[in-house]
Amino acid sequence: MRRSVAARRTLPTSPFKARIETPRKHFAVGDRVTHDTYGLGRAIEVEGDSDIAVLVDFGSRRERITQPYATMYKL
């Protein structure tokens, strides 16, 4: 059985709060970033308009960070 792709609608009289979608983070080549685990780095490659992954050079290592970018922030 397949799940519906449509978004759930919340009723105005519902006692539950509607889910708020967090804005997507977009990175470009050359952006300075910080990561909670790896520290400071620079984006050197972006896959799929940063919807798939970002390759980041952290100096001593290069890491491919995938969506969601919960622990990576643009400086």
C-alpha atoms as a PDB file:
ATOM      1  CA  MET A   1       0.000   0.000   0.000  1.00  0.00           C
ATOM      2  CA  ARG A   2       1.337   3.450  -0.948  1.00  0.00           C
ATOM      3  CA  ARG A   3       1.263   6.528   1.218  1.00  0.00           C
ATOM      4  CA  SER A   4      -0.322   9.670  -0.110  1.00  0.00           C
ATOM      5  CA  VAL A   5       2.047  12.429  -1.195  1.00  0.00           C
ATOM      6  CA  ALA A   6      -0.419  15.182  -0.315  1.00  0.00           C
ATOM      7  CA  ALA A   7       0.276  17.331   2.732  1.00  0.00           C
ATOM      8  CA  ARG A   8      -1.905  16.889   5.756  1.00  0.00           C
ATOM      9  CA  ARG A   9      -4.424  19.602   6.366  1.00  0.00           C
ATOM     10  CA  THR A  10      -5.050  20.765   9.931  1.00  0.00           C
ATOM     11  CA  LEU A  11      -8.475  21.872  10.913  1.00  0.00           C
ATOM     12  CA  PRO A  12      -8.867  25.370  12.372  1.00  0.00           C
ATOM     13  CA  THR A  13     -10.607  23.903  15.425  1.00  0.00           C
ATOM     14  CA  SER A  14      -7.897  21.310  16.104  1.00  0.00           C
ATOM     15  CA  PRO A  15      -6.224  21.522  19.531  1.00  0.00           C
ATOM     16  CA  PHE A  16      -2.930  20.376  17.972  1.00  0.00           C
ATOM     17  CA  LYS A  17      -0.490  22.806  16.411  1.00  0.00           C
ATOM     18  CA  ALA A  18       0.204  22.539  12.696  1.00  0.00           C
ATOM     19  CA  ARG A  19       3.687  21.356  11.752  1.00  0.00           C
ATOM     20  CA  ILE A  20       5.911  24.176  10.604  1.00  0.00           C
ATOM     21  CA  GLU A  21       8.311  23.191   7.839  1.00  0.00           C
ATOM     22  CA  THR A  22      11.825  24.423   8.535  1.00  0.00           C
ATOM     23  CA  PRO A  23      13.395  26.382   5.689  1.00  0.00           C
ATOM     24  CA  ARG A  24      15.831  24.366   3.570  1.00  0.00           C
ATOM     25  CA  LYS A  25      19.490  25.308   3.774  1.00  0.00           C
ATOM     26  CA  HIS A  26      21.208  26.048   0.468  1.00  0.00           C
ATOM     27  CA  PHE A  27      24.965  26.148   0.040  1.00  0.00           C
ATOM     28  CA  ALA A  28      27.106  27.301  -2.884  1.00  0.00           C
ATOM     29  CA  VAL A  29      30.688  26.545  -3.874  1.00  0.00           C
ATOM     30  CA  GLY A  30      33.021  28.749  -1.838  1.00  0.00           C
ATOM     31  CA  ASP A  31      30.681  29.243   1.145  1.00  0.00           C
ATOM     32  CA  ARG A  32      32.370  29.200   4.542  1.00  0.00           C
ATOM     33  CA  VAL A  33      30.567  26.784   6.857  1.00  0.00           C
ATOM     34  CA  THR A  34      30.796  25.452  10.376  1.00  0.00           C
ATOM     35  CA  HIS A  35      29.892  21.918  11.411  1.00  0.00           C
ATOM     36  CA  ASP A  36      29.256  20.768  14.971  1.00  0.00           C
ATOM     37  CA  THR A  37      31.550  17.729  14.584  1.00  0.00           C
ATOM     38  CA  TYR A  38      34.179  18.771  12.013  1.00  0.00           C
ATOM     39  CA  GLY A  39      34.553  22.513  12.705  1.00  0.00           C
ATOM     40  CA  LEU A  40      35.223  25.256  10.142  1.00  0.00           C
ATOM     41  CA  GLY A  41      35.350  24.497   6.432  1.00  0.00           C
ATOM     42  CA  ARG A  42      34.642  25.641   2.891  1.00  0.00           C
ATOM     43  CA  ALA A  43      32.162  24.121   0.436  1.00  0.00           C
ATOM     44  CA  ILE A  44      34.121  22.864  -2.580  1.00  0.00           C
ATOM     45  CA  GLU A  45      31.404  20.949  -4.454  1.00  0.00           C
ATOM     46  CA  VAL A  46      27.606  21.022  -4.463  1.00  0.00           C
ATOM     47  CA  GLU A  47      25.464  18.119  -5.701  1.00  0.00           C
ATOM     48  CA  GLY A  48      22.007  18.814  -7.080  1.00  0.00           C
ATOM     49  CA  ASP A  49      21.711  22.517  -6.165  1.00  0.00           C
ATOM     50  CA  SER A  50      22.613  21.540  -2.555  1.00  0.00           C
ATOM     51  CA  ASP A  51      19.486  19.378  -2.317  1.00  0.00           C
ATOM     52  CA  ILE A  52      21.520  16.151  -2.323  1.00  0.00           C
ATOM     53  CA  ALA A  53      24.901  16.775  -0.684  1.00  0.00           C
ATOM     54  CA  VAL A  54      27.753  19.230  -0.172  1.00  0.00           C
ATOM     55  CA  LEU A  55      31.450  18.289  -0.240  1.00  0.00           C
ATOM     56  CA  VAL A  56      33.247  20.348   2.400  1.00  0.00           C
ATOM     57  CA  ASP A  57      36.996  20.796   2.905  1.00  0.00           C
ATOM     58  CA  PHE A  58      37.714  21.035   6.635  1.00  0.00           C
ATOM     59  CA  GLY A  59      41.478  21.428   6.198  1.00  0.00           C
ATOM     60  CA  SER A  60      42.627  18.036   7.449  1.00  0.00           C
ATOM     61  CA  ARG A  61      39.794  16.100   5.806  1.00  0.00           C
ATOM     62  CA  ARG A  62      37.050  16.319   3.201  1.00  0.00           C
ATOM     63  CA  GLU A  63      33.553  15.223   4.118  1.00  0.00           C
ATOM     64  CA  ARG A  64      30.415  14.716   2.034  1.00  0.00           C
ATOM     65  CA  ILE A  65      27.526  16.107   4.105  1.00  0.00           C
ATOM     66  CA  THR A  66      24.017  15.037   3.034  1.00  0.00           C
ATOM     67  CA  GLN A  67      20.546  16.449   3.706  1.00  0.00           C
ATOM     68  CA  PRO A  68      19.306  17.439   6.262  1.00  0.00           C
ATOM     69  CA  TYR A  69      22.074  19.835   7.184  1.00  0.00           C
ATOM     70  CA  ALA A  70      21.010  19.967  10.829  1.00  0.00           C
ATOM     71  CA  THR A  71      24.533  20.414  12.224  1.00  0.00           C
ATOM     72  CA  MET A  72      26.021  22.578   9.446  1.00  0.00           C
ATOM     73  CA  TYR A  73      25.601  26.333   9.214  1.00  0.00           C
ATOM     74  CA  LYS A  74      26.688  28.972   6.695  1.00  0.00           C
ATOM     75  CA  LEU A  75      28.926  31.707   8.099  1.00  0.00           C
END
